[in-house]
């Protein structure tokens, strides 16, 4: 009943900082398809739990940007260079986007 009066509305910048911090924590060990998916699901849960009102597309863009920035020489050597690492990240983000679109169509 009193939630409307006491609930603090976060600014978009503050909401983005919260999500970036959580995503970075998930991607700090390694950037691969499973950690990208895990980072996205954790971001989704945080978004819903704290009522940050961010769209899945926006969350995926944050995950993609951080994955690009946090990939390192180790991933590049494993996947055949930075170009291939970025292509793998992009492919995983696209796969998640498609999965979300399919789930929304079924609902």
Protein backbone atom coordinates (compact mmCIF):
# COMPACT_ATOMS: atom_id res chain seq x y z
CA UNK A 1 0.00 0.00 0.00
CA UNK A 2 2.77 2.43 0.91
CA UNK A 3 5.16 1.11 -1.72
CA UNK A 4 4.37 3.99 -4.06
CA UNK A 5 5.43 6.49 -1.42
CA UNK A 6 8.60 4.80 -0.24
CA UNK A 7 9.87 3.11 -3.38
CA UNK A 8 12.85 4.99 -4.75
CA UNK A 9 12.91 5.51 -8.50
CA UNK A 10 16.40 4.98 -9.91
CA UNK A 11 17.79 7.10 -12.70
CA UNK A 12 18.62 5.30 -15.98
CA UNK A 13 22.33 5.94 -15.36
CA UNK A 14 22.17 4.41 -11.90
CA UNK A 15 20.28 1.38 -13.23
CA UNK A 16 22.88 0.90 -15.95
CA UNK A 17 25.73 1.09 -13.41
CA UNK A 18 24.07 -1.61 -11.30
CA UNK A 19 23.69 -3.94 -14.29
CA UNK A 20 27.22 -3.27 -15.57
CA UNK A 21 28.70 -4.10 -12.18
CA UNK A 22 26.85 -7.43 -12.05
CA UNK A 23 27.65 -8.36 -15.65
CA UNK A 24 31.33 -7.49 -15.18
CA UNK A 25 31.47 -9.75 -12.13
CA UNK A 26 30.15 -12.65 -14.21
CA UNK A 27 32.53 -12.04 -17.13
CA UNK A 28 35.69 -11.34 -15.13
CA UNK A 29 36.99 -14.93 -15.20
CA UNK A 30 36.46 -15.69 -18.88
CA UNK A 31 34.40 -14.49 -21.83
CA UNK A 32 32.70 -17.42 -23.59
CA UNK A 33 29.21 -18.44 -24.63
CA UNK A 34 28.24 -19.89 -21.26
CA UNK A 35 29.46 -16.90 -19.23
CA UNK A 36 27.75 -14.51 -21.65
CA UNK A 37 24.46 -16.35 -21.20
CA UNK A 38 24.95 -16.50 -17.42
CA UNK A 39 25.73 -12.77 -17.28
CA UNK A 40 22.54 -12.02 -19.22
CA UNK A 41 20.34 -14.18 -16.98
CA UNK A 42 21.83 -12.63 -13.84
CA UNK A 43 21.24 -9.16 -15.33
CA UNK A 44 17.63 -10.10 -16.10
CA UNK A 45 17.04 -11.29 -12.53
CA UNK A 46 18.60 -8.15 -11.07
CA UNK A 47 16.55 -6.00 -13.44
CA UNK A 48 13.32 -7.70 -12.36
CA UNK A 49 14.25 -7.89 -8.68
CA UNK A 50 15.15 -4.21 -8.36
CA UNK A 51 12.48 -3.10 -10.87
CA UNK A 52 15.00 -1.23 -13.02
CA UNK A 53 12.65 -1.33 -16.02
CA UNK A 54 15.34 -2.10 -18.60
CA UNK A 55 14.43 -4.04 -21.74
CA UNK A 56 16.04 -7.36 -22.62
CA UNK A 57 17.53 -5.71 -25.70
CA UNK A 58 19.20 -3.06 -23.56
CA UNK A 59 20.51 -5.70 -21.17
CA UNK A 60 21.95 -7.66 -24.09
CA UNK A 61 23.66 -4.54 -25.41
CA UNK A 62 25.29 -3.99 -22.02
CA UNK A 63 26.44 -7.62 -21.91
CA UNK A 64 27.82 -7.39 -25.47
CA UNK A 65 29.71 -4.15 -24.81
CA UNK A 66 31.27 -5.49 -21.62
CA UNK A 67 32.14 -8.82 -23.25
CA UNK A 68 33.93 -6.96 -26.06
CA UNK A 69 35.81 -4.87 -23.53
CA UNK A 70 36.65 -7.69 -21.15
CA UNK A 71 37.82 -10.26 -23.69
CA UNK A 72 41.56 -10.65 -23.48
CA UNK A 73 44.58 -12.28 -25.10
CA UNK A 74 43.63 -15.66 -23.66
CA UNK A 75 40.30 -15.73 -25.50
CA UNK A 76 41.95 -14.35 -28.63
CA UNK A 77 44.54 -17.13 -28.63
CA UNK A 78 41.87 -19.78 -28.01
CA UNK A 79 39.54 -18.60 -30.75
CA UNK A 80 42.04 -17.51 -33.40
CA UNK A 81 42.42 -13.78 -32.85
CA UNK A 82 40.39 -10.79 -31.74
CA UNK A 83 38.23 -10.84 -34.87
CA UNK A 84 37.05 -14.36 -34.16
CA UNK A 85 36.52 -13.60 -30.48
CA UNK A 86 34.27 -10.67 -31.37
CA UNK A 87 32.42 -12.81 -33.92
CA UNK A 88 31.81 -15.47 -31.24
CA UNK A 89 30.49 -12.85 -28.82
CA UNK A 90 28.23 -11.39 -31.50
CA UNK A 91 26.94 -14.87 -32.43
CA UNK A 92 26.10 -15.68 -28.81
CA UNK A 93 24.26 -12.38 -28.34
CA UNK A 94 22.29 -13.02 -31.55
CA UNK A 95 21.42 -16.52 -30.36
CA UNK A 96 20.09 -15.15 -27.06
CA UNK A 97 18.11 -12.43 -28.89
CA UNK A 98 16.50 -15.06 -31.13
CA UNK A 99 15.67 -17.27 -28.15
CA UNK A 100 13.98 -14.35 -26.41
CA UNK A 101 12.01 -13.48 -29.56
CA UNK A 102 10.84 -17.09 -29.89
CA UNK A 103 9.72 -17.17 -26.25
CA UNK A 104 7.78 -13.91 -26.67
CA UNK A 105 6.02 -15.25 -29.77
CA UNK A 106 4.95 -18.38 -27.90
CA UNK A 107 3.54 -16.35 -24.99
